[in-house]
């Protein structure tokens, strides 16, 4: 302790200079929007690079699991491909490609930071404006929903996780179409709640829960499986859902670009303007 005070006494002017310099920088950043944006952008870049380096190590340690998931996903895609089916009919069927228009594009990204033990959890991905990422894009994995893009820098983006008190996912029981909202209120990172399903709806443990077209996600993206059914008053069921995405082991995701989003948003904005 004596040596500590001796050091302070010896370098008191230098310490005072650093303290005043720090206060000056703080006041400059706080009271000037341009400087504040520069500092935030720089800090995001540095933080992103640190996360990326950390992710390189964790990626290596989980390489076996990641490869297995990628192999399983490729197997499912190949199974669904038309070339995997034998046509036993004798009809000549022609498909007019002009009837179809691509609505969604998928951009792969690596998870370089992820939390799942807080009330409001986030992920950081190594894709940003350089790859065309924008705020409010949906994020999915090979197993289901992950979150929504919250903020974007040049090379990185942050994602509001499904495991976040602010998240509400428009979801439905796949077998009958009854829809509500999937939320997460803390606790286990493996379990969420499906709200607003009417009490007369036929729901069973093990039923599949998927996204609806009302959400930012494409329709029929996996949310999870019904794990438990209770009652929430006379009108609605209280349903616990085992989430399909394992947030404790997630390395790669897909960011969804909705090519028709601007058109839809513009049309719906006119409705909102007319209602005012």
Foldseek 3Di string as FASTA:
>chain_A
DVVVVVVCVVCVVVVVVVVVVVVVLVVVLVVDPVNVVVVVQVVVVVVVVVLVVQLVVVCVVCVVVVVVLVVVLVVVVVCPDPVVDDDPDPDDDDDDCVVDDDFKDKDKWWWSDWDQQDQWIKTKTQAFVCNPDDFQWFKAASFFGFFTWHDGHHGMTMGGGLSYQPDWFWKAQVVPGQTATWHHRHDDSFKIKGPDRFPPDDADFFTWMWGPPVGSDDTGTGQFTFHDWAPDPNTIIITMGGGRDDRVDGTMMITMDGPCVVVVVVVVVVVVVVVD
